[in-house]
Protein backbone atom coordinates (compact mmCIF):
# COMPACT_ATOMS: atom_id res chain seq x y z
CA MET A 1 34.54 89.98 32.20
CA THR A 2 37.97 89.56 33.77
CA GLU A 3 38.87 91.89 36.72
CA GLU A 4 42.29 93.48 36.71
CA PRO A 5 44.46 92.73 39.82
CA LYS A 6 44.86 95.61 42.27
CA ASN A 7 48.29 96.68 43.53
CA ASP A 8 47.95 97.52 47.24
CA ASP A 9 51.61 98.61 47.58
CA VAL A 10 51.16 101.74 45.51
CA GLU A 11 50.50 104.77 47.69
CA GLU A 12 48.32 107.44 46.30
CA THR A 13 49.66 110.97 46.29
CA PRO A 14 47.22 113.48 47.83
CA ALA A 15 45.43 115.63 45.35
CA GLY A 16 47.18 118.87 44.54
CA GLU A 17 50.63 117.75 45.88
CA THR A 18 53.59 116.44 43.94
CA PRO A 19 56.41 114.14 45.32
CA GLU A 20 58.86 117.01 44.98
CA GLU A 21 56.80 119.25 47.28
CA THR A 22 56.52 116.49 49.94
CA SER A 23 60.31 115.96 49.95
CA ALA A 24 60.93 119.70 50.32
CA GLU A 25 58.60 119.87 53.33
CA THR A 26 60.51 116.95 54.98
CA VAL A 27 63.86 118.73 54.46
CA ASP A 28 62.46 121.94 55.96
CA GLU A 29 61.20 120.07 59.04
CA THR A 30 64.64 118.38 59.54
CA THR A 31 66.44 121.71 59.25
CA THR A 32 64.06 123.28 61.79
CA ASP A 33 64.63 120.42 64.24
CA GLN A 34 68.42 120.73 63.95
CA GLN A 35 68.23 124.50 64.42
CA GLU A 36 66.04 124.19 67.53
CA ARG A 37 68.33 121.53 68.98
CA ALA A 38 71.42 123.71 68.43
CA ASP A 39 69.71 126.76 69.96
CA GLU A 40 68.70 124.76 73.05
CA GLU A 41 72.25 123.48 73.54
CA ALA A 42 73.68 126.98 73.12
CA ALA A 43 71.28 128.31 75.76
CA ARG A 44 72.25 125.47 78.10
CA ALA A 45 75.95 126.24 77.63
CA ALA A 46 75.36 129.95 78.29
CA GLU A 47 73.49 129.12 81.51
CA ALA A 48 76.32 126.87 82.68
CA ALA A 49 78.88 129.60 81.92
CA GLU A 50 76.87 132.07 83.97
CA GLU A 51 76.75 129.69 86.94
CA ALA A 52 80.51 129.11 86.73
CA LYS A 53 81.13 132.87 86.63
CA GLU A 54 79.01 133.39 89.75
CA ALA A 55 80.88 130.63 91.58
CA ALA A 56 84.24 132.15 90.62
CA GLU A 57 83.15 135.58 91.85
CA GLU A 58 81.98 134.09 95.14
CA ALA A 59 85.24 132.20 95.79
CA PRO A 60 87.99 133.36 93.37
CA THR A 61 90.23 130.31 93.63
CA PRO A 62 92.55 129.52 90.70
CA THR A 63 90.58 126.37 89.89
CA ALA A 64 87.23 128.16 89.93
CA VAL A 65 88.48 131.04 87.78
CA ALA A 66 90.00 128.66 85.22
CA ALA A 67 86.80 126.59 85.12
CA ALA A 68 84.71 129.75 84.62
CA GLU A 69 86.90 130.87 81.71
CA GLU A 70 86.68 127.42 80.15
CA ALA A 71 82.88 127.39 80.49
CA GLU A 72 82.66 130.81 78.85
CA GLU A 73 84.78 129.66 75.90
CA LEU A 74 82.63 126.55 75.50
CA ALA A 75 79.46 128.66 75.57
CA GLU A 76 80.84 130.82 72.77
CA LYS A 77 81.73 127.68 70.83
CA ALA A 78 78.19 126.31 71.24
CA GLU A 79 76.71 129.62 70.11
CA GLU A 80 78.91 129.65 66.99
CA ALA A 81 77.86 126.07 66.20
CA ALA A 82 74.18 127.01 66.58
CA GLU A 83 74.58 129.96 64.20
CA ALA A 84 76.37 127.76 61.68
CA VAL A 85 73.50 125.22 61.51
CA ALA A 86 71.39 127.42 59.26
CA GLU A 87 74.31 128.34 57.00
CA LYS A 88 75.82 124.88 56.50
CA PRO A 89 74.59 122.35 53.90
CA LYS A 90 72.24 119.56 54.89
CA ARG A 91 75.00 117.02 55.54
CA GLN A 92 76.85 119.28 57.98
CA ARG A 93 73.88 120.54 60.01
CA ALA A 94 73.63 117.45 62.21
CA ARG A 95 77.39 117.59 62.91
CA LYS A 96 77.21 121.23 63.99
CA ALA A 97 74.26 120.42 66.24
CA ARG A 98 76.29 117.64 67.86
CA GLU A 99 79.18 120.05 68.35
CA ALA A 100 76.87 122.44 70.15
CA GLU A 101 75.62 119.60 72.36
CA GLN A 102 79.16 118.50 73.23
CA ALA A 103 80.17 122.07 74.04
CA ALA A 104 77.16 122.42 76.33
CA ASP A 105 78.05 119.20 78.18
CA GLN A 106 81.64 120.35 78.69
CA ALA A 107 80.45 123.75 79.87
CA GLU A 108 78.25 122.08 82.48
CA GLU A 109 81.20 119.98 83.67
CA ALA A 110 83.34 123.13 83.99
CA ALA A 111 80.57 124.84 85.94
CA ASP A 112 80.32 121.88 88.32
CA GLU A 113 84.09 122.01 88.85
CA ALA A 114 83.94 125.73 89.64
CA LYS A 115 81.12 125.16 92.14
CA GLU A 116 83.04 122.33 93.82
CA SER A 117 86.17 124.48 94.10
CA ALA A 118 84.18 127.34 95.62
CA LYS A 119 82.58 124.95 98.09
CA ARG A 120 85.97 123.60 99.20
CA SER A 121 87.26 127.15 99.60
CA ARG A 122 84.35 128.08 101.87
CA THR A 123 84.89 124.93 103.95
CA ARG A 124 88.58 125.73 104.45
CA ALA A 125 87.72 129.31 105.41
CA LYS A 126 85.40 128.03 108.15
CA LYS A 127 88.05 125.69 109.57
CA LYS A 128 90.73 128.39 109.90
CA PRO A 129 91.66 129.33 113.49
CA ASP A 130 90.38 132.58 114.94
CA ASP A 131 92.58 135.63 114.54
CA ASP A 132 91.91 136.67 118.15
CA LYS A 133 94.31 134.08 119.58
CA PRO A 134 97.50 135.56 121.01
CA ALA A 135 100.67 135.26 119.00
CA GLU A 136 102.36 133.40 121.81
CA GLU A 137 100.00 130.42 121.45
CA ALA A 138 100.16 130.37 117.66
CA ALA A 139 103.94 130.41 117.46
CA LYS A 140 105.25 127.29 119.13
CA PRO A 141 108.90 127.13 120.13
CA ALA A 142 111.09 125.16 117.79
CA LYS A 143 112.21 121.79 119.08
CA GLU A 144 115.86 121.32 119.78
CA PRO A 145 117.63 118.79 117.56
CA ALA A 146 117.68 115.35 119.14
CA ARG A 147 121.13 114.45 117.86
CA ARG A 148 124.01 116.06 119.69
CA ARG A 149 126.42 118.23 117.82
CA ARG A 150 129.92 117.06 117.17
CA ASP A 151 131.47 119.45 119.69
CA GLU A 152 128.93 118.56 122.37
CA ARG A 153 129.47 114.79 122.29
CA ARG A 154 130.22 113.07 125.52
CA GLN A 155 133.73 112.12 126.52
CA VAL A 156 134.92 108.96 124.79
CA PRO A 157 135.87 106.29 127.37
CA VAL A 158 139.37 104.92 127.15
CA GLY A 159 139.68 101.56 125.38
CA LEU A 160 136.28 101.73 123.68
CA THR A 161 135.99 99.39 120.69
CA VAL A 162 133.26 98.81 118.16
CA ARG A 163 133.02 95.44 116.43
CA ALA A 164 131.23 94.24 113.31
CA GLN A 165 131.23 90.75 111.83
CA ALA A 166 130.05 89.23 108.56
CA LYS A 167 129.55 85.46 108.51
CA TYR A 168 129.40 82.93 105.70
CA VAL A 169 130.86 85.29 103.09
CA ARG A 170 131.28 83.41 99.80
CA THR A 171 135.03 83.89 99.47
CA SER A 172 137.96 81.94 100.82
CA ALA A 173 139.74 83.14 103.95
CA ARG A 174 143.04 83.33 102.09
CA LYS A 175 141.65 85.72 99.46
CA ALA A 176 139.98 87.82 102.17
CA ARG A 177 143.26 88.11 104.12
CA LEU A 178 145.05 89.43 101.04
CA VAL A 179 142.69 92.44 101.17
CA CYS A 180 142.41 93.02 104.91
CA ASP A 181 146.18 93.25 105.28
CA HIS A 182 146.07 96.57 103.38
CA ILE A 183 143.68 98.32 105.80
CA ARG A 184 144.91 97.08 109.17
CA GLY A 185 145.79 100.09 111.37
CA LYS A 186 144.44 102.66 108.88
CA ASP A 187 141.83 105.29 109.69
CA VAL A 188 138.31 104.96 108.28
CA VAL A 189 138.72 107.53 105.49
CA GLU A 190 141.95 105.96 104.19
CA ALA A 191 140.54 102.43 104.48
CA ARG A 192 137.49 103.41 102.41
CA ALA A 193 139.71 104.77 99.65
CA ILE A 194 141.92 101.66 99.66
CA LEU A 195 138.96 99.27 99.45
CA ALA A 196 137.22 101.33 96.76
CA PHE A 197 140.24 100.98 94.42
CA THR A 198 141.37 97.45 95.29
CA PRO A 199 140.88 95.22 92.19
CA ARG A 200 139.84 92.10 94.11
CA GLY A 201 136.44 90.51 94.56
CA ALA A 202 136.84 90.33 98.35
CA ALA A 203 137.16 94.14 98.62
CA LYS A 204 133.41 94.66 98.28
CA PRO A 205 132.42 92.55 101.36
CA TRP A 206 135.14 94.28 103.37
CA LEU A 207 133.85 97.73 102.37
CA LYS A 208 130.29 96.81 103.35
CA LEU A 209 131.52 95.48 106.69
CA LEU A 210 133.51 98.67 107.34
CA GLU A 211 130.42 100.82 106.71
CA SER A 212 128.43 98.61 109.08
CA ALA A 213 131.04 99.04 111.82
CA VAL A 214 131.03 102.83 111.37
CA ALA A 215 127.23 102.88 111.57
CA ASN A 216 127.36 100.87 114.81
CA ALA A 217 129.82 103.37 116.31
CA GLU A 218 127.72 106.40 115.33
CA HIS A 219 124.37 104.96 116.39
CA ASN A 220 125.27 103.01 119.53
CA HIS A 221 128.16 105.07 120.97
CA GLU A 222 127.60 108.53 119.39
CA LEU A 223 131.04 108.55 117.83
CA VAL A 224 132.17 110.33 114.66
CA GLY A 225 132.96 107.95 111.82
CA GLU A 226 135.85 110.00 110.43
CA GLU A 227 137.55 110.00 113.86
CA LEU A 228 137.86 106.21 114.05
CA ARG A 229 140.65 103.88 113.03
CA ILE A 230 140.82 100.12 112.40
CA GLU A 231 142.29 98.46 115.47
CA SER A 232 142.08 94.87 114.24
CA VAL A 233 140.79 93.05 111.18
CA HIS A 234 140.93 89.34 110.41
CA ALA A 235 139.29 86.63 108.31
CA ASP A 236 138.51 83.16 109.66
CA GLU A 237 137.55 80.05 107.71
CA GLY A 238 133.89 79.12 107.52
CA PRO A 239 132.18 75.88 106.48
CA THR A 240 133.04 74.51 103.05
CA LEU A 241 130.30 73.56 100.61
CA LYS A 242 131.18 70.34 98.81
CA ARG A 243 130.06 69.83 95.23
CA PHE A 244 131.04 67.31 92.55
CA GLN A 245 131.70 67.70 88.85
CA PRO A 246 131.53 64.76 86.39
CA ARG A 247 134.78 63.94 84.66
CA ALA A 248 136.01 61.45 82.06
CA MET A 249 135.71 57.64 82.41
CA GLY A 250 132.92 57.87 84.99
CA ARG A 251 134.97 59.69 87.57
CA ALA A 252 133.95 62.71 89.66
CA THR A 253 136.00 65.63 90.94
CA ARG A 254 135.24 67.35 94.23
CA ILE A 255 134.60 71.11 94.14
CA ARG A 256 135.13 72.98 97.42
CA LYS A 257 133.15 76.20 97.72
CA ARG A 258 134.82 77.88 100.68
CA THR A 259 133.32 80.49 102.98
CA SER A 260 134.81 82.82 105.57
CA HIS A 261 133.89 84.94 108.59
CA LEU A 262 135.09 88.57 108.42
CA THR A 263 135.62 90.73 111.53
CA ILE A 264 136.51 94.42 111.92
CA THR A 265 137.17 96.23 115.21
CA LEU A 266 137.21 100.05 115.33
CA THR A 267 138.48 102.36 118.04
CA PRO A 268 138.75 106.17 118.38
CA LYS A 269 142.02 107.71 117.18
CA GLU A 270 142.54 109.47 120.54
CA SER A 271 142.71 106.23 122.45
């Protein structure tokens, strides 16, 4: 007689149970697990909200109060997600359970923030000075301004001059003289206006040099910038930079890049 081959891969179903009943039991177990998980996360969120509320009541700082309110909202959100687990279809139960878990984690973070804010508030309260100190010690006299007022400045010596110089300015002395001739003998305010509206490239270095001379007078001699006038101004030739440019038939043309030294001397109007 020939023996029939046995199939070991076939699992036998227990007596009295059908495959449909086994699948239903598995679904019920999964639903129960998701419900328990959501309930645990909701309880954790409620506990965190309670801790945040206690911290806010202990030290009612704006940060602690806001964190407590946020934790309470998150606890309500976790509770709603836990209640929705049983009502939602199978595909959405795991998502609602995850929402409850996320809300619980955020509630714990808010509670930690409220506790930290309350702790900082208590530390600052301990470091505050005692209220028993006399008012005379607490209120210190205001310091007098270090810079003298305009009417309290010292007497200006006769013949005082303030000088400023800019060297190696990349403009020719001739072009610089065309500008400085306009401001010679003018006061500082008028010279600033002239240089600001002069359509020449050399006007900008002259304006910078004038501001430098005014700053020297105010800082070194305690003078008022608007009370000064330009006593002398001149431009001297500086070194010339020699360059060459190739030209036709192998020749070269010299290029002279001229520089100049600019000088401004200021003096008070009274003198």
